[in-house]
């Protein structure tokens, strides 16, 4: 149920392929509240990644609504506070929803600092000095200020993940979306990454949505809700303790 704390309201969301033969999402309804830490789990093919990618329209829904900050972003236009019809700015939307992919998305021929300043300078027209200052502040926050002039090949998987996280924080994001952030990391580094996400969330009150198969590495930190998906729908949306007290995980082949 939507509350005054709702940041995103998803209503009857559908994503069908091949004229409806494949239903990646089939009527998903959920609310994501401000400051929530939410983990989305489910068997392979359950619709987790499609759900995550739909939130910032990397996947365009077939039907349904995604209401972000009071605006239905599935519409191409919306009415602003003055009553004027305004075209949805997708780039601006994605600057408020930071997506962190499992493959880091770093240009190998550029230094870490250059990777982080590229978008602010080219897309937003920010000066080099301002972009570098902000990038160094964020690299310091994730413990990598001393690696600003290194190249991606010189960094470990965990360090690349930290750079990716710092990169999406260049913008004043309201929500961080993580697509299997631990997939390429060893257990110790994965634990450090979850600790960092937790630390940033606590300091900034940013909303966090994580898709991850390595549930044991995620759930030992504070999590507000777990959404369990199957066959393009939601089976459960519960606090971890509530979900773990049911038999739903075992019944659906999840540890």
C-alpha atoms as a PDB file:
ATOM      1  CA  UNK A   1       0.000   0.000   0.000  1.00  0.00           C
ATOM      2  CA  UNK A   2       1.314   3.457  -0.918  1.00  0.00           C
ATOM      3  CA  UNK A   3       2.216   5.757   1.996  1.00  0.00           C
ATOM      4  CA  UNK A   4       3.557   9.282   2.332  1.00  0.00           C
ATOM      5  CA  UNK A   5       7.000   7.660   2.425  1.00  0.00           C
ATOM      6  CA  UNK A   6       6.592   5.972  -0.968  1.00  0.00           C
ATOM      7  CA  UNK A   7       9.337   6.916  -3.418  1.00  0.00           C
ATOM      8  CA  UNK A   8       8.259   4.554  -6.203  1.00  0.00           C
ATOM      9  CA  UNK A   9       4.854   2.971  -6.703  1.00  0.00           C
ATOM     10  CA  UNK A  10       4.698   0.107  -9.201  1.00  0.00           C
ATOM     11  CA  UNK A  11       1.215  -0.810 -10.366  1.00  0.00           C
ATOM     12  CA  UNK A  12       0.272  -3.891 -12.429  1.00  0.00           C
ATOM     13  CA  UNK A  13       3.586  -3.741 -14.296  1.00  0.00           C
ATOM     14  CA  UNK A  14       3.897  -5.999 -17.330  1.00  0.00           C
ATOM     15  CA  UNK A  15       6.724  -6.727 -19.750  1.00  0.00           C
ATOM     16  CA  UNK A  16       5.893  -9.167 -22.529  1.00  0.00           C
ATOM     17  CA  UNK A  17       8.030 -10.300 -25.448  1.00  0.00           C
ATOM     18  CA  UNK A  18       7.183 -11.983 -28.744  1.00  0.00           C
ATOM     19  CA  UNK A  19       3.583 -10.735 -28.800  1.00  0.00           C
ATOM     20  CA  UNK A  20       2.908 -11.932 -25.292  1.00  0.00           C
ATOM     21  CA  UNK A  21       4.403 -15.409 -25.661  1.00  0.00           C
ATOM     22  CA  UNK A  22       7.029 -14.594 -22.991  1.00  0.00           C
ATOM     23  CA  UNK A  23       5.826 -12.770 -19.878  1.00  0.00           C
ATOM     24  CA  UNK A  24       8.929 -11.473 -18.081  1.00  0.00           C
ATOM     25  CA  UNK A  25       6.697  -9.388 -15.809  1.00  0.00           C
ATOM     26  CA  UNK A  26       3.030 -10.197 -15.467  1.00  0.00           C
ATOM     27  CA  UNK A  27       1.216  -7.758 -13.201  1.00  0.00           C
ATOM     28  CA  UNK A  28       3.806  -6.697 -10.605  1.00  0.00           C
ATOM     29  CA  UNK A  29       2.609  -4.323  -7.898  1.00  0.00           C
ATOM     30  CA  UNK A  30       4.950  -3.011  -5.194  1.00  0.00           C
ATOM     31  CA  UNK A  31       5.939   0.120  -3.281  1.00  0.00           C
ATOM     32  CA  UNK A  32       9.495   1.211  -2.600  1.00  0.00           C
ATOM     33  CA  UNK A  33       9.708   3.569   0.347  1.00  0.00           C
ATOM     34  CA  UNK A  34      12.216   6.333   0.986  1.00  0.00           C
ATOM     35  CA  UNK A  35      15.278   4.979   2.771  1.00  0.00           C
ATOM     36  CA  UNK A  36      14.299   1.341   2.258  1.00  0.00           C
ATOM     37  CA  UNK A  37      16.901  -1.363   1.744  1.00  0.00           C
ATOM     38  CA  UNK A  38      15.112  -3.929  -0.424  1.00  0.00           C
ATOM     39  CA  UNK A  39      16.466  -7.206  -1.757  1.00  0.00           C
ATOM     40  CA  UNK A  40      14.776  -8.882  -4.741  1.00  0.00           C
ATOM     41  CA  UNK A  41      15.303 -12.637  -4.998  1.00  0.00           C
ATOM     42  CA  UNK A  42      13.886 -15.517  -6.974  1.00  0.00           C
ATOM     43  CA  UNK A  43      14.840 -18.392  -9.265  1.00  0.00           C
ATOM     44  CA  UNK A  44      16.467 -17.715 -12.638  1.00  0.00           C
ATOM     45  CA  UNK A  45      13.926 -16.345 -15.094  1.00  0.00           C
ATOM     46  CA  UNK A  46      11.628 -15.051 -12.370  1.00  0.00           C
ATOM     47  CA  UNK A  47      11.736 -11.453 -13.685  1.00  0.00           C
ATOM     48  CA  UNK A  48      14.121  -9.891 -11.146  1.00  0.00           C
ATOM     49  CA  UNK A  49      16.410  -8.119 -13.596  1.00  0.00           C
ATOM     50  CA  UNK A  50      13.516  -7.005 -15.789  1.00  0.00           C
ATOM     51  CA  UNK A  51      11.836  -5.513 -12.733  1.00  0.00           C
ATOM     52  CA  UNK A  52      15.000  -3.657 -11.706  1.00  0.00           C
ATOM     53  CA  UNK A  53      15.727  -2.375 -15.215  1.00  0.00           C
ATOM     54  CA  UNK A  54      12.126  -1.230 -15.627  1.00  0.00           C
ATOM     55  CA  UNK A  55      12.405   1.127 -12.660  1.00  0.00           C
ATOM     56  CA  UNK A  56      14.562   3.579 -14.633  1.00  0.00           C
ATOM     57  CA  UNK A  57      13.117   2.564 -18.019  1.00  0.00           C
ATOM     58  CA  UNK A  58      16.136   0.622 -19.287  1.00  0.00           C
ATOM     59  CA  UNK A  59      13.323  -1.820 -20.056  1.00  0.00           C
ATOM     60  CA  UNK A  60      10.193  -0.152 -21.409  1.00  0.00           C
ATOM     61  CA  UNK A  61       7.114  -1.776 -19.838  1.00  0.00           C
ATOM     62  CA  UNK A  62       4.387  -3.276 -21.979  1.00  0.00           C
ATOM     63  CA  UNK A  63       1.722  -2.043 -19.579  1.00  0.00           C
ATOM     64  CA  UNK A  64       1.258  -0.720 -16.057  1.00  0.00           C
ATOM     65  CA  UNK A  65       2.503   2.274 -14.101  1.00  0.00           C
ATOM     66  CA  UNK A  66       5.747   3.294 -12.394  1.00  0.00           C
ATOM     67  CA  UNK A  67       5.128   6.417 -10.320  1.00  0.00           C
ATOM     68  CA  UNK A  68       8.357   8.100  -9.196  1.00  0.00           C
ATOM     69  CA  UNK A  69       8.077  11.218  -7.019  1.00  0.00           C
ATOM     70  CA  UNK A  70       4.420  11.532  -8.020  1.00  0.00           C
ATOM     71  CA  UNK A  71       5.059  11.259 -11.784  1.00  0.00           C
ATOM     72  CA  UNK A  72       4.060   8.262 -13.894  1.00  0.00           C
ATOM     73  CA  UNK A  73       7.346   7.783 -15.760  1.00  0.00           C
ATOM     74  CA  UNK A  74       5.857   5.191 -18.114  1.00  0.00           C
ATOM     75  CA  UNK A  75       4.101   8.089 -19.847  1.00  0.00           C
ATOM     76  CA  UNK A  76       6.085  10.137 -22.342  1.00  0.00           C
ATOM     77  CA  UNK A  77       4.579  13.351 -20.980  1.00  0.00           C
ATOM     78  CA  UNK A  78       3.196  14.488 -17.648  1.00  0.00           C
ATOM     79  CA  UNK A  79       1.538  17.580 -16.153  1.00  0.00           C
ATOM     80  CA  UNK A  80       3.839  19.611 -13.889  1.00  0.00           C
ATOM     81  CA  UNK A  81       2.882  21.657 -10.810  1.00  0.00           C
ATOM     82  CA  UNK A  82       1.947  24.659 -12.960  1.00  0.00           C
ATOM     83  CA  UNK A  83      -0.450  22.580 -15.063  1.00  0.00           C
ATOM     84  CA  UNK A  84       1.840  22.571 -18.086  1.00  0.00           C
ATOM     85  CA  UNK A  85       2.339  19.360 -20.092  1.00  0.00           C
ATOM     86  CA  UNK A  86       6.044  18.462 -19.981  1.00  0.00           C
ATOM     87  CA  UNK A  87       8.028  15.814 -21.865  1.00  0.00           C
ATOM     88  CA  UNK A  88       9.703  13.255 -19.616  1.00  0.00           C
ATOM     89  CA  UNK A  89      13.485  13.740 -19.488  1.00  0.00           C
ATOM     90  CA  UNK A  90      14.840  10.165 -19.387  1.00  0.00           C
ATOM     91  CA  UNK A  91      18.452  11.277 -18.798  1.00  0.00           C
ATOM     92  CA  UNK A  92      17.397  13.398 -15.829  1.00  0.00           C
ATOM     93  CA  UNK A  93      15.386  10.468 -14.462  1.00  0.00           C
ATOM     94  CA  UNK A  94      18.379   8.129 -14.651  1.00  0.00           C
ATOM     95  CA  UNK A  95      20.546  10.666 -12.859  1.00  0.00           C
ATOM     96  CA  UNK A  96      18.201  10.247  -9.891  1.00  0.00           C
ATOM     97  CA  UNK A  97      18.284   6.430 -10.099  1.00  0.00           C
ATOM     98  CA  UNK A  98      21.847   5.158 -10.083  1.00  0.00           C
ATOM     99  CA  UNK A  99      22.234   1.712 -11.662  1.00  0.00           C
ATOM    100  CA  UNK A 100      25.312  -0.290 -10.616  1.00  0.00           C
ATOM    101  CA  UNK A 101      25.934  -3.203 -12.977  1.00  0.00           C
ATOM    102  CA  UNK A 102      27.885  -6.353 -12.186  1.00  0.00           C
ATOM    103  CA  UNK A 103      30.365  -5.721 -15.019  1.00  0.00           C
ATOM    104  CA  UNK A 104      31.484  -2.299 -13.685  1.00  0.00           C
ATOM    105  CA  UNK A 105      31.109  -0.385 -17.030  1.00  0.00           C
ATOM    106  CA  UNK A 106      34.571   1.244 -16.974  1.00  0.00           C
ATOM    107  CA  UNK A 107      36.505   2.274 -20.066  1.00  0.00           C
ATOM    108  CA  UNK A 108      39.786   0.295 -19.932  1.00  0.00           C
ATOM    109  CA  UNK A 109      41.869   2.932 -21.787  1.00  0.00           C
ATOM    110  CA  UNK A 110      40.963   5.712 -19.328  1.00  0.00           C
ATOM    111  CA  UNK A 111      42.124   6.335 -15.767  1.00  0.00           C
ATOM    112  CA  UNK A 112      39.651   5.973 -12.920  1.00  0.00           C
ATOM    113  CA  UNK A 113      39.461   9.752 -12.568  1.00  0.00           C
ATOM    114  CA  UNK A 114      38.824  10.192 -16.304  1.00  0.00           C
ATOM    115  CA  UNK A 115      36.113   7.515 -16.195  1.00  0.00           C
ATOM    116  CA  UNK A 116      34.331   9.383 -13.416  1.00  0.00           C
ATOM    117  CA  UNK A 117      34.580  12.852 -14.951  1.00  0.00           C
ATOM    118  CA  UNK A 118      33.565  11.859 -18.486  1.00  0.00           C
ATOM    119  CA  UNK A 119      29.776  12.062 -18.047  1.00  0.00           C
ATOM    120  CA  UNK A 120      29.681  15.273 -15.952  1.00  0.00           C
ATOM    121  CA  UNK A 121      31.933  17.063 -18.445  1.00  0.00           C
ATOM    122  CA  UNK A 122      30.462  15.750 -21.711  1.00  0.00           C
ATOM    123  CA  UNK A 123      26.799  15.455 -20.782  1.00  0.00           C
ATOM    124  CA  UNK A 124      26.315  18.230 -18.241  1.00  0.00           C
ATOM    125  CA  UNK A 125      29.016  20.656 -19.310  1.00  0.00           C
ATOM    126  CA  UNK A 126      30.626  20.715 -15.859  1.00  0.00           C
ATOM    127  CA  UNK A 127      34.127  22.205 -15.840  1.00  0.00           C
ATOM    128  CA  UNK A 128      37.099  19.845 -15.578  1.00  0.00           C
ATOM    129  CA  UNK A 129      38.116  21.325 -12.229  1.00  0.00           C
ATOM    130  CA  UNK A 130      34.642  20.928 -10.716  1.00  0.00           C
ATOM    131  CA  UNK A 131      34.190  17.403 -12.112  1.00  0.00           C
ATOM    132  CA  UNK A 132      37.577  16.271 -10.775  1.00  0.00           C
ATOM    133  CA  UNK A 133      36.927  17.793  -7.350  1.00  0.00           C
ATOM    134  CA  UNK A 134      33.619  15.944  -7.027  1.00  0.00           C
ATOM    135  CA  UNK A 135      35.111  12.683  -8.352  1.00  0.00           C
ATOM    136  CA  UNK A 136      37.991  12.801  -5.863  1.00  0.00           C
ATOM    137  CA  UNK A 137      35.565  13.440  -2.996  1.00  0.00           C
ATOM    138  CA  UNK A 138      33.549  10.374  -3.964  1.00  0.00           C
ATOM    139  CA  UNK A 139      36.623   8.205  -4.499  1.00  0.00           C
ATOM    140  CA  UNK A 140      37.736   9.204  -1.017  1.00  0.00           C
ATOM    141  CA  UNK A 141      34.333   8.175   0.332  1.00  0.00           C
ATOM    142  CA  UNK A 142      34.767   4.674  -1.103  1.00  0.00           C
ATOM    143  CA  UNK A 143      38.416   4.475  -0.003  1.00  0.00           C
ATOM    144  CA  UNK A 144      40.042   4.813  -3.428  1.00  0.00           C
ATOM    145  CA  UNK A 145      41.332   8.392  -3.620  1.00  0.00           C
ATOM    146  CA  UNK A 146      44.878   7.029  -3.987  1.00  0.00           C
ATOM    147  CA  UNK A 147      43.860   5.050  -7.110  1.00  0.00           C
ATOM    148  CA  UNK A 148      42.473   7.995  -9.103  1.00  0.00           C
ATOM    149  CA  UNK A 149      45.247   7.801 -11.718  1.00  0.00           C
ATOM    150  CA  UNK A 150      45.207   4.012 -12.031  1.00  0.00           C
ATOM    151  CA  UNK A 151      43.620   2.162 -14.953  1.00  0.00           C
ATOM    152  CA  UNK A 152      40.805  -0.387 -14.492  1.00  0.00           C
ATOM    153  CA  UNK A 153      43.145  -3.303 -15.264  1.00  0.00           C
ATOM    154  CA  UNK A 154      45.222  -2.284 -12.226  1.00  0.00           C
ATOM    155  CA  UNK A 155      42.262  -2.608  -9.860  1.00  0.00           C
ATOM    156  CA  UNK A 156      40.796  -5.680  -8.193  1.00  0.00           C
ATOM    157  CA  UNK A 157      37.169  -6.671  -8.756  1.00  0.00           C
ATOM    158  CA  UNK A 158      36.173  -5.159  -5.435  1.00  0.00           C
ATOM    159  CA  UNK A 159      37.914  -1.891  -6.243  1.00  0.00           C
ATOM    160  CA  UNK A 160      36.180  -1.705  -9.634  1.00  0.00           C
ATOM    161  CA  UNK A 161      32.850  -2.234  -7.900  1.00  0.00           C
ATOM    162  CA  UNK A 162      33.664   0.649  -5.541  1.00  0.00           C
ATOM    163  CA  UNK A 163      34.494   2.887  -8.504  1.00  0.00           C
ATOM    164  CA  UNK A 164      31.186   1.967 -10.155  1.00  0.00           C
ATOM    165  CA  UNK A 165      29.358   2.877  -6.968  1.00  0.00           C
ATOM    166  CA  UNK A 166      31.210   6.186  -6.700  1.00  0.00           C
ATOM    167  CA  UNK A 167      30.437   6.862 -10.367  1.00  0.00           C
ATOM    168  CA  UNK A 168      26.661   6.722  -9.955  1.00  0.00           C
ATOM    169  CA  UNK A 169      26.912   8.912  -6.866  1.00  0.00           C
ATOM    170  CA  UNK A 170      28.299  11.777  -8.958  1.00  0.00           C
ATOM    171  CA  UNK A 171      24.642  12.737  -9.349  1.00  0.00           C
ATOM    172  CA  UNK A 172      22.399  13.366  -6.365  1.00  0.00           C
ATOM    173  CA  UNK A 173      20.731   9.972  -6.662  1.00  0.00           C
ATOM    174  CA  UNK A 174      17.611   9.210  -4.670  1.00  0.00           C
ATOM    175  CA  UNK A 175      17.808   5.472  -5.246  1.00  0.00           C
ATOM    176  CA  UNK A 176      20.644   3.026  -5.949  1.00  0.00           C
ATOM    177  CA  UNK A 177      19.820  -0.040  -8.062  1.00  0.00           C
ATOM    178  CA  UNK A 178      22.254  -2.965  -7.839  1.00  0.00           C
ATOM    179  CA  UNK A 179      22.177  -5.781 -10.398  1.00  0.00           C
ATOM    180  CA  UNK A 180      24.063  -8.667  -8.729  1.00  0.00           C
ATOM    181  CA  UNK A 181      26.843  -6.487  -7.275  1.00  0.00           C
ATOM    182  CA  UNK A 182      28.659  -9.510  -5.812  1.00  0.00           C
ATOM    183  CA  UNK A 183      28.619 -11.721  -8.913  1.00  0.00           C
ATOM    184  CA  UNK A 184      32.311 -11.273  -9.762  1.00  0.00           C
ATOM    185  CA  UNK A 185      33.661 -10.926  -6.233  1.00  0.00           C
ATOM    186  CA  UNK A 186      35.155 -13.417  -3.784  1.00  0.00           C
ATOM    187  CA  UNK A 187      33.323 -13.858  -0.445  1.00  0.00           C
ATOM    188  CA  UNK A 188      35.587 -11.522   1.558  1.00  0.00           C
ATOM    189  CA  UNK A 189      35.379  -8.743  -1.031  1.00  0.00           C
ATOM    190  CA  UNK A 190      31.642  -9.284  -1.357  1.00  0.00           C
ATOM    191  CA  UNK A 191      31.258  -8.767   2.375  1.00  0.00           C
ATOM    192  CA  UNK A 192      33.250  -5.520   2.174  1.00  0.00           C
ATOM    193  CA  UNK A 193      31.064  -4.323  -0.719  1.00  0.00           C
ATOM    194  CA  UNK A 194      27.853  -4.944   1.223  1.00  0.00           C
ATOM    195  CA  UNK A 195      29.356  -3.129   4.218  1.00  0.00           C
ATOM    196  CA  UNK A 196      30.147  -0.150   1.978  1.00  0.00           C
ATOM    197  CA  UNK A 197      26.625  -0.084   0.489  1.00  0.00           C
ATOM    198  CA  UNK A 198      25.213  -0.264   4.012  1.00  0.00           C
ATOM    199  CA  UNK A 199      27.479   2.549   5.218  1.00  0.00           C
ATOM    200  CA  UNK A 200      26.568   4.848   2.313  1.00  0.00           C
ATOM    201  CA  UNK A 201      22.859   4.118   2.731  1.00  0.00           C
ATOM    202  CA  UNK A 202      22.995   4.986   6.438  1.00  0.00           C
ATOM    203  CA  UNK A 203      24.883   8.243   5.840  1.00  0.00           C
ATOM    204  CA  UNK A 204      22.789   9.477   2.909  1.00  0.00           C
ATOM    205  CA  UNK A 205      19.415   7.765   3.581  1.00  0.00           C
ATOM    206  CA  UNK A 206      19.472   6.703  -0.071  1.00  0.00           C
ATOM    207  CA  UNK A 207      16.949   4.046  -1.058  1.00  0.00           C
ATOM    208  CA  UNK A 208      18.622   0.789  -2.118  1.00  0.00           C
ATOM    209  CA  UNK A 209      17.272  -2.068  -4.247  1.00  0.00           C
ATOM    210  CA  UNK A 210      19.547  -5.094  -4.685  1.00  0.00           C
ATOM    211  CA  UNK A 211      19.203  -8.163  -6.889  1.00  0.00           C
ATOM    212  CA  UNK A 212      21.595 -10.830  -5.686  1.00  0.00           C
ATOM    213  CA  UNK A 213      21.861 -14.623  -5.804  1.00  0.00           C
ATOM    214  CA  UNK A 214      24.315 -14.729  -2.906  1.00  0.00           C
ATOM    215  CA  UNK A 215      21.662 -14.148  -0.275  1.00  0.00           C
ATOM    216  CA  UNK A 216      23.861 -15.103   2.675  1.00  0.00           C
ATOM    217  CA  UNK A 217      26.258 -12.245   1.804  1.00  0.00           C
ATOM    218  CA  UNK A 218      23.441  -9.681   1.655  1.00  0.00           C
ATOM    219  CA  UNK A 219      21.083 -10.676   4.454  1.00  0.00           C
ATOM    220  CA  UNK A 220      23.568 -10.460   7.317  1.00  0.00           C
ATOM    221  CA  UNK A 221      23.293  -6.659   7.016  1.00  0.00           C
ATOM    222  CA  UNK A 222      20.183  -4.594   7.787  1.00  0.00           C
ATOM    223  CA  UNK A 223      17.480  -5.246   5.184  1.00  0.00           C
ATOM    224  CA  UNK A 224      13.983  -3.814   5.444  1.00  0.00           C
ATOM    225  CA  UNK A 225      12.195  -6.041   2.946  1.00  0.00           C
ATOM    226  CA  UNK A 226      12.660  -9.009   0.673  1.00  0.00           C
ATOM    227  CA  UNK A 227      10.623  -9.385  -2.488  1.00  0.00           C
ATOM    228  CA  UNK A 228      10.412 -12.983  -3.691  1.00  0.00           C
ATOM    229  CA  UNK A 229       9.593 -13.290  -7.398  1.00  0.00           C
ATOM    230  CA  UNK A 230       8.562 -16.220  -9.557  1.00  0.00           C
ATOM    231  CA  UNK A 231       7.248 -16.433 -13.130  1.00  0.00           C
ATOM    232  CA  UNK A 232       7.105 -12.661 -13.542  1.00  0.00           C
ATOM    233  CA  UNK A 233       5.116 -12.026 -10.376  1.00  0.00           C
ATOM    234  CA  UNK A 234       5.644 -11.389  -6.664  1.00  0.00           C
ATOM    235  CA  UNK A 235       5.146 -14.334  -4.316  1.00  0.00           C
ATOM    236  CA  UNK A 236       6.013 -12.434  -1.139  1.00  0.00           C
ATOM    237  CA  UNK A 237       7.000  -8.954   0.046  1.00  0.00           C
ATOM    238  CA  UNK A 238       8.069  -9.367   3.668  1.00  0.00           C
ATOM    239  CA  UNK A 239      10.596  -8.454   6.333  1.00  0.00           C
ATOM    240  CA  UNK A 240      13.475 -11.001   6.249  1.00  0.00           C
ATOM    241  CA  UNK A 241      12.470 -12.597   9.561  1.00  0.00           C
ATOM    242  CA  UNK A 242       8.906 -13.057   8.345  1.00  0.00           C
ATOM    243  CA  UNK A 243       9.999 -14.589   5.048  1.00  0.00           C
ATOM    244  CA  UNK A 244      12.546 -16.894   6.653  1.00  0.00           C
ATOM    245  CA  UNK A 245       9.868 -18.197   9.040  1.00  0.00           C
ATOM    246  CA  UNK A 246       7.856 -19.476   6.074  1.00  0.00           C
ATOM    247  CA  UNK A 247       8.690 -22.375   3.778  1.00  0.00           C
ATOM    248  CA  UNK A 248       8.597 -20.225   0.638  1.00  0.00           C
ATOM    249  CA  UNK A 249      12.349 -20.167  -0.003  1.00  0.00           C
ATOM    250  CA  UNK A 250      12.771 -23.939   0.118  1.00  0.00           C
ATOM    251  CA  UNK A 251       9.596 -24.474  -1.878  1.00  0.00           C
ATOM    252  CA  UNK A 252      11.050 -22.358  -4.662  1.00  0.00           C
ATOM    253  CA  UNK A 253      14.528 -23.849  -4.691  1.00  0.00           C
ATOM    254  CA  UNK A 254      16.241 -20.993  -2.851  1.00  0.00           C
ATOM    255  CA  UNK A 255      18.684 -21.516  -0.030  1.00  0.00           C
END
